[in-house]
Protein backbone atom coordinates (compact mmCIF):
# COMPACT_ATOMS: atom_id res chain seq x y z
CA MET A 1 158.52 -47.16 196.70
CA ASP A 2 162.03 -48.56 195.48
CA GLY A 3 163.85 -51.17 193.14
CA LEU A 4 161.93 -53.50 190.99
CA PRO A 5 158.31 -52.34 191.64
CA ARG A 6 159.51 -48.89 190.64
CA ARG A 7 161.08 -49.71 187.59
CA ALA A 8 158.38 -52.36 186.81
CA ALA A 9 155.57 -49.26 187.71
CA ARG A 10 157.44 -46.71 185.58
CA ARG A 11 157.80 -49.21 182.49
CA PHE A 12 154.30 -50.12 182.49
CA ALA A 13 153.13 -46.21 182.48
CA GLY A 14 155.60 -45.77 179.47
CA ALA A 15 154.45 -48.62 177.52
CA LEU A 16 150.54 -47.20 178.16
CA ARG A 17 151.79 -43.97 176.81
CA GLU A 18 153.10 -45.46 173.80
CA ARG A 19 150.54 -47.68 173.34
CA TYR A 20 147.49 -45.35 174.08
CA GLY A 21 149.02 -41.83 173.56
CA GLU A 22 146.11 -39.21 173.97
CA ALA A 23 143.43 -42.05 175.19
CA LEU A 24 145.61 -42.22 178.20
CA VAL A 25 144.29 -39.75 180.79
CA ASP A 26 145.82 -40.70 183.98
CA VAL A 27 148.38 -43.54 185.53
CA ARG A 28 148.74 -43.71 189.09
CA LEU A 29 150.53 -45.91 191.71
CA PHE A 30 148.35 -46.56 194.74
CA GLY A 31 147.73 -49.18 197.65
CA SER A 32 150.53 -50.44 199.83
CA CYS A 33 153.37 -49.87 197.85
CA ALA A 34 152.77 -45.89 197.27
CA ARG A 35 152.28 -45.56 201.07
CA GLY A 36 155.64 -47.48 201.58
CA GLU A 37 154.27 -50.18 202.97
CA MET A 38 154.91 -53.00 200.74
CA ARG A 39 155.65 -56.43 201.91
CA GLU A 40 157.76 -59.05 199.68
CA ASP A 41 154.41 -60.80 198.76
CA SER A 42 152.35 -57.19 197.62
CA ASP A 43 150.96 -56.37 194.40
CA VAL A 44 151.74 -53.46 192.85
CA ASP A 45 148.57 -51.27 192.19
CA VAL A 46 148.59 -48.94 189.54
CA ALA A 47 145.44 -47.05 188.47
CA VAL A 48 145.13 -46.93 184.43
CA VAL A 49 142.53 -44.11 183.37
CA LEU A 50 141.82 -43.78 179.80
CA ARG A 51 139.36 -41.75 177.77
CA ALA A 52 137.39 -44.87 176.92
CA VAL A 53 137.29 -48.73 178.01
CA ASP A 54 135.64 -51.71 176.37
CA ARG A 55 136.96 -55.23 177.25
CA ARG A 56 139.18 -55.81 174.45
CA THR A 57 141.07 -52.63 175.71
CA LYS A 58 140.73 -53.85 179.53
CA ARG A 59 142.31 -57.34 178.34
CA ASP A 60 145.28 -55.99 176.54
CA VAL A 61 146.21 -53.35 179.37
CA ILE A 62 146.36 -56.32 181.95
CA ASP A 63 148.27 -58.55 179.39
CA LEU A 64 150.61 -55.71 179.06
CA ALA A 65 151.02 -55.20 182.92
CA SER A 66 151.32 -59.31 183.29
CA SER A 67 154.31 -59.21 180.52
CA ILE A 68 155.99 -56.37 182.29
CA GLY A 69 155.59 -57.66 185.67
CA LEU A 70 156.97 -61.07 184.73
CA GLU A 71 160.15 -59.55 183.17
CA HIS A 72 160.42 -57.64 186.50
CA ASP A 73 159.35 -60.52 189.07
CA VAL A 74 156.84 -58.25 190.14
CA LEU A 75 153.19 -58.61 190.01
CA LEU A 76 151.53 -55.43 188.40
CA SER A 77 147.96 -54.94 189.51
CA PRO A 78 145.94 -52.54 187.14
CA THR A 79 142.71 -50.90 188.10
CA VAL A 80 141.04 -50.00 184.73
CA LEU A 81 138.80 -47.21 184.48
CA ASP A 82 137.28 -45.19 181.74
CA GLN A 83 137.29 -41.36 182.29
CA GLU A 84 133.19 -41.27 182.73
CA THR A 85 133.18 -43.76 185.64
CA PHE A 86 136.40 -42.29 187.52
CA GLU A 87 134.74 -38.74 187.44
CA ARG A 88 131.56 -40.44 188.56
CA TRP A 89 133.06 -42.54 191.24
CA ARG A 90 134.65 -39.28 192.26
CA ALA A 91 131.67 -37.22 192.87
CA GLN A 92 129.75 -40.13 194.56
CA GLU A 93 133.05 -40.56 196.82
CA ARG A 94 133.96 -44.15 195.97
CA LEU A 95 136.47 -45.32 198.35
CA LEU A 96 138.91 -46.63 195.36
CA VAL A 97 138.94 -43.41 193.90
CA MET A 98 139.31 -41.37 197.33
CA ASP A 99 142.26 -44.02 197.65
CA ILE A 100 143.94 -43.47 194.34
CA GLU A 101 143.64 -39.72 194.94
CA ARG A 102 144.95 -39.53 198.17
CA GLU A 103 147.69 -41.69 198.33
CA GLY A 104 148.28 -41.94 194.46
CA LEU A 105 151.98 -41.34 192.97
CA LEU A 106 151.88 -39.97 189.30
CA LEU A 107 153.85 -42.49 186.87
C-alpha cells in the first residue's frame, strides 16, 4: 500500500479514534490494498470494529469515510461491525472475518 490510499486509510483511522475513543476496538486495512494488489479502480477496504453499532453510528462511519475519501480522491469502503458480531463471526469462521484477520494491517 502506498501513496494516497495509505494516507487516506491512516487519516480515516485517526478520525475514527478521535470520534469514538475507547468505543473503537479495531481498525484494519484489508483486501487488495492490504495484499499489495491494488489497481487504479480498486476501493480501499477498511474493517471498523466498535463496541456497539447502531444505524446512526454506521451511517456516521460511512459518511466520515466518504468525506476523507473525497479529500484524497480514494474510495474508502468501511465494513462496520460491532465487537459481539465480529467475535461471533470469528468463532463461526466466516470468510470476511478470516480475511480481515489473515491479511489485515493495523491502522
